[in-house]
Protein backbone atom coordinates (compact mmCIF):
# COMPACT_ATOMS: atom_id res chain seq x y z
CA MET A 1 46.17 -42.09 37.98
CA GLN A 2 44.31 -39.30 36.01
CA ARG A 3 47.70 -38.72 34.10
CA SER A 4 47.73 -42.30 33.28
CA CYS A 5 44.27 -42.37 32.02
CA THR A 6 45.03 -39.29 29.60
CA THR A 7 47.96 -41.07 28.60
CA LEU A 8 46.11 -44.73 27.59
CA ALA A 9 43.36 -42.33 25.59
CA ARG A 10 46.03 -40.77 23.80
CA SER A 11 47.65 -44.15 22.49
CA LEU A 12 43.95 -45.32 21.92
CA ILE A 13 43.52 -41.97 19.69
CA SER A 14 46.55 -42.85 17.49
CA THR A 15 45.82 -46.25 17.26
CA ARG A 16 42.21 -45.67 15.97
CA GLY A 17 43.69 -43.88 13.03
CA PHE A 18 43.23 -40.31 14.63
CA CYS A 19 46.58 -39.16 13.31
CA THR A 20 47.53 -35.43 13.31
CA SER A 21 50.62 -35.96 10.65
CA ASN A 22 50.76 -34.29 7.22
CA SER A 23 49.41 -37.44 5.23
CA ASP A 24 46.55 -37.92 7.09
CA LYS A 25 44.80 -34.68 9.04
CA ILE A 26 41.22 -35.10 11.03
CA VAL A 27 38.68 -32.22 10.59
CA ALA A 28 35.59 -32.05 12.76
CA SER A 29 32.81 -30.69 11.18
CA VAL A 30 29.87 -29.29 12.81
CA LEU A 31 26.03 -29.68 11.33
CA PHE A 32 24.36 -27.09 13.10
CA GLU A 33 20.77 -27.17 12.90
CA ARG A 34 17.70 -25.27 14.41
CA LEU A 35 14.53 -27.42 14.47
CA PRO A 36 11.00 -27.01 13.26
CA VAL A 37 9.39 -24.00 15.20
CA VAL A 38 5.88 -24.99 14.00
CA VAL A 39 4.26 -28.56 13.25
CA PRO A 40 4.44 -29.38 9.42
CA LYS A 41 1.22 -29.31 8.03
CA ILE A 42 -0.11 -32.84 7.53
CA ASP A 43 0.23 -34.87 4.44
CA PRO A 44 -2.82 -35.07 2.23
CA VAL A 45 -2.54 -39.01 2.61
CA VAL A 46 -2.85 -38.69 6.18
CA TYR A 47 -5.27 -36.06 5.90
CA ALA A 48 -7.54 -38.42 4.03
CA PHE A 49 -7.12 -41.55 6.58
CA GLN A 50 -7.40 -39.44 9.77
CA GLU A 51 -10.89 -38.08 7.73
CA PHE A 52 -11.74 -41.89 6.95
CA SER A 53 -11.21 -43.12 10.22
CA PHE A 54 -13.19 -40.19 11.66
CA ARG A 55 -16.78 -41.11 9.49
CA TRP A 56 -15.98 -44.70 10.32
CA GLY A 57 -15.77 -44.20 14.04
CA GLN A 58 -19.06 -42.06 13.76
CA GLN A 59 -21.06 -45.00 12.61
CA TYR A 60 -19.95 -47.20 15.33
CA ARG A 61 -20.37 -44.34 18.09
CA ARG A 62 -22.06 -44.76 21.77
CA VAL A 63 -25.03 -42.86 21.39
CA TYR A 64 -25.78 -40.83 24.60
CA PRO A 65 -29.57 -39.58 25.47
CA ASP A 66 -30.08 -35.92 24.99
CA LYS A 67 -30.66 -35.43 28.53
CA PHE A 68 -27.44 -35.84 29.07
CA LEU A 69 -25.72 -34.56 26.26
CA HIS A 70 -27.73 -31.35 27.11
CA LYS A 71 -26.90 -30.71 30.42
CA SER A 72 -24.16 -28.31 30.29
CA ASP A 73 -26.91 -25.83 28.83
CA ALA A 74 -28.03 -25.57 32.48
CA ARG A 75 -24.69 -23.77 33.61
CA GLY A 76 -25.58 -20.80 31.64
CA ASN A 77 -23.90 -18.68 29.08
CA THR A 78 -20.86 -16.75 29.10
CA ASN A 79 -20.00 -13.45 27.27
CA TYR A 80 -16.30 -14.11 26.97
CA GLN A 81 -14.94 -14.34 24.28
CA MET A 82 -11.11 -14.29 22.93
CA ASP A 83 -9.75 -13.11 19.51
CA TYR A 84 -7.13 -15.38 18.73
CA VAL A 85 -5.32 -14.57 14.91
CA PRO A 86 -2.27 -17.22 14.79
CA ALA A 87 0.78 -16.16 13.86
CA PRO A 88 1.36 -16.77 9.59
CA ARG A 89 3.05 -19.88 8.39
CA VAL A 90 4.86 -17.72 6.24
CA THR A 91 7.11 -14.87 7.52
CA GLU A 92 8.62 -11.87 5.66
CA ALA A 93 12.05 -13.62 5.27
CA ASP A 94 10.31 -16.80 3.46
CA LYS A 95 8.82 -14.17 1.22
CA THR A 96 12.36 -12.32 0.28
CA ASN A 97 14.31 -15.31 0.56
CA ASP A 98 16.34 -14.51 3.37
CA ARG A 99 18.78 -17.18 3.72
CA ARG A 100 20.42 -15.04 6.85
CA SER A 101 17.98 -15.46 8.71
CA LEU A 102 16.14 -18.04 11.28
CA ASN A 103 12.56 -17.26 11.03
CA ARG A 104 12.15 -18.80 8.02
CA ALA A 105 10.87 -22.33 6.98
CA LEU A 106 9.30 -22.34 9.95
CA ASP A 107 8.14 -26.18 9.64
CA ARG A 108 11.72 -27.48 8.53
CA ARG A 109 14.88 -27.99 9.85
CA LEU A 110 17.81 -25.23 8.86
CA TYR A 111 21.30 -26.11 8.78
CA LEU A 112 24.05 -23.30 9.33
CA ILE A 113 26.56 -23.42 6.32
CA ILE A 114 29.59 -20.47 6.17
CA TYR A 115 31.54 -19.10 3.28
CA GLY A 116 35.01 -18.58 3.70
CA LYS A 117 38.61 -20.70 3.74
CA ALA A 118 38.02 -24.19 4.57
CA TYR A 119 40.94 -27.04 5.14
CA GLY A 120 41.51 -28.79 1.53
CA THR A 121 40.29 -26.20 -0.76
CA LEU A 122 42.32 -25.32 -3.52
CA ASP A 123 45.09 -22.33 -3.19
CA GLY A 124 42.93 -21.11 -0.06
CA LYS A 125 40.23 -19.90 -2.08
CA PRO A 126 36.83 -19.59 -0.07
CA VAL A 127 34.63 -21.98 -0.19
CA TRP A 128 31.21 -22.84 1.64
CA HIS A 129 31.48 -25.16 4.21
CA PHE A 130 30.24 -26.46 7.81
CA PRO A 131 31.87 -24.81 10.94
CA GLU A 132 34.94 -26.84 11.10
CA LYS A 133 38.22 -27.42 12.98
CA ILE A 134 41.65 -29.33 12.16
CA TYR A 135 41.99 -32.03 15.02
CA GLU A 136 45.05 -31.05 17.07
CA SER A 137 45.60 -31.70 20.70
CA GLU A 138 42.14 -31.80 21.99
CA GLU A 139 40.72 -34.24 24.65
CA THR A 140 38.71 -35.59 22.06
CA LEU A 141 37.00 -35.00 18.62
CA ARG A 142 33.65 -33.66 20.17
CA LYS A 143 35.87 -31.02 21.98
CA CYS A 144 37.66 -30.58 18.73
CA ALA A 145 33.81 -29.92 17.20
CA GLU A 146 32.90 -27.43 20.01
CA SER A 147 35.79 -25.38 19.52
CA ALA A 148 34.70 -25.27 15.81
CA LEU A 149 31.37 -23.98 16.50
CA LYS A 150 32.71 -21.42 19.15
CA SER A 151 34.96 -20.19 16.67
CA VAL A 152 31.96 -19.18 14.70
CA ILE A 153 29.46 -18.03 17.09
CA GLY A 154 31.21 -17.31 20.12
CA ASP A 155 29.12 -18.59 22.62
CA LEU A 156 27.73 -22.17 23.06
CA SER A 157 25.38 -21.55 25.77
CA HIS A 158 22.56 -21.97 23.13
CA THR A 159 23.89 -25.14 21.90
CA TYR A 160 23.21 -28.72 22.68
CA PHE A 161 25.64 -31.43 20.93
CA VAL A 162 23.56 -34.62 20.22
CA GLY A 163 25.81 -37.23 21.54
CA ASN A 164 29.48 -37.35 21.66
CA ALA A 165 30.39 -39.78 18.31
CA PRO A 166 30.33 -38.48 14.92
CA MET A 167 27.58 -38.96 13.04
CA GLY A 168 28.97 -40.01 9.73
CA HIS A 169 32.60 -39.32 8.05
CA MET A 170 33.87 -38.74 4.61
CA VAL A 171 37.20 -39.53 3.36
CA ILE A 172 38.64 -36.31 0.91
CA GLN A 173 41.06 -37.36 -1.52
CA PRO A 174 43.20 -35.10 -3.75
CA THR A 175 41.89 -34.53 -7.14
CA GLU A 176 43.74 -33.87 -10.78
CA ASN A 177 43.10 -30.01 -9.63
CA ALA A 178 44.85 -30.43 -5.99
CA GLN A 179 47.30 -32.73 -6.08
CA ASP A 180 49.23 -30.68 -3.51
CA VAL A 181 46.42 -31.53 -0.73
CA PRO A 182 47.01 -34.50 1.50
CA SER A 183 43.57 -36.89 1.66
CA PHE A 184 42.10 -36.22 4.98
CA LYS A 185 39.09 -37.34 7.01
CA ARG A 186 36.50 -35.41 7.87
CA PHE A 187 33.86 -36.07 10.77
CA PHE A 188 30.69 -34.76 11.12
CA PHE A 189 28.94 -34.02 14.56
CA LYS A 190 25.48 -32.81 15.47
CA SER A 191 24.38 -29.71 17.54
CA GLN A 192 21.26 -27.98 17.65
CA VAL A 193 20.13 -24.26 18.48
CA ILE A 194 18.35 -23.89 21.72
CA ALA A 195 16.31 -21.60 23.20
CA THR A 196 17.08 -18.66 20.75
CA ASN A 197 16.25 -17.27 17.38
CA LYS A 198 18.81 -15.26 16.81
CA VAL A 199 23.07 -16.59 16.91
CA PRO A 200 25.62 -14.19 15.94
CA ILE A 201 27.69 -15.52 13.38
CA GLY A 202 31.48 -14.13 12.69
CA LYS A 203 34.80 -15.29 11.27
CA CYS A 204 33.60 -15.93 8.12
CA GLU A 205 32.96 -13.88 4.74
CA ASP A 206 29.01 -14.90 4.61
CA TYR A 207 26.51 -17.49 5.71
CA VAL A 208 23.05 -18.90 4.91
CA TRP A 209 20.56 -21.05 6.71
CA VAL A 210 19.28 -23.49 4.37
CA THR A 211 16.81 -26.32 4.36
CA LYS A 212 18.15 -30.20 3.52
CA ASP A 213 16.93 -29.82 -0.06
CA GLU A 214 18.54 -25.96 -0.38
CA LEU A 215 22.10 -27.34 1.10
CA MET A 216 22.10 -29.75 -1.68
CA GLU A 217 22.68 -26.43 -4.06
CA TYR A 218 25.90 -25.44 -2.40
CA PHE A 219 27.05 -29.42 -2.12
CA PRO A 220 26.60 -30.66 -5.51
CA GLU A 221 29.67 -33.27 -5.74
CA GLN A 222 28.25 -34.34 -1.80
CA ALA A 223 24.74 -34.11 -2.49
CA GLU A 224 24.25 -37.96 -2.56
CA TYR A 225 26.42 -38.53 0.86
CA LEU A 226 24.60 -35.85 2.87
CA ASN A 227 21.44 -36.78 1.91
CA LYS A 228 21.75 -39.74 3.65
CA MET A 229 23.44 -38.62 6.25
CA ILE A 230 20.71 -36.04 7.12
CA ILE A 231 17.86 -37.06 8.35
CA SER A 232 14.88 -34.43 8.10
């Protein structure tokens, strides 16, 4: 029964276009993100509305007698005092623009991109790209995406893949400068950093953790598509 189900799954994969021939490759890419660590600052418009709502409510609030309001004074005063200094929102990595650090842009989402060889590049030159892997014989396309991320960070114990389906895809066509590169489809899967602030990165020449706005600097030709796909 298990063998027949596997055969059926593979036939469905080939029927839906998950072809692994040289003319139509499938590439699984991973959008690996770190969620915000601190609450983002309130938008000035929202702050103004909250201030207005508070003042409006003060006009019609219930008035309690003074005896009720000062009842807590009879409990006595305590000398207990806690000195609390909140951590700064701007870190040293923010000041030095250290994009290899996860300890930056604490109120934003950060995305991992690596510098190295990627499928479909001209002459195999290193470029900035997301962790990726060509779909071969994996059971599912998500398994292929997990392998792609595992090859970069080595361990998936501090990761969480959001769903089994890709969040988006694009078809890459040959360009005038790269006629020898066949067309292929790139499927994007979302994964998140869980319970850690240090992720070991390997199998690449360089890497950066960037915000959505900074991400567009590395992919100017795909900025319009990425801006629609990534919601942050």
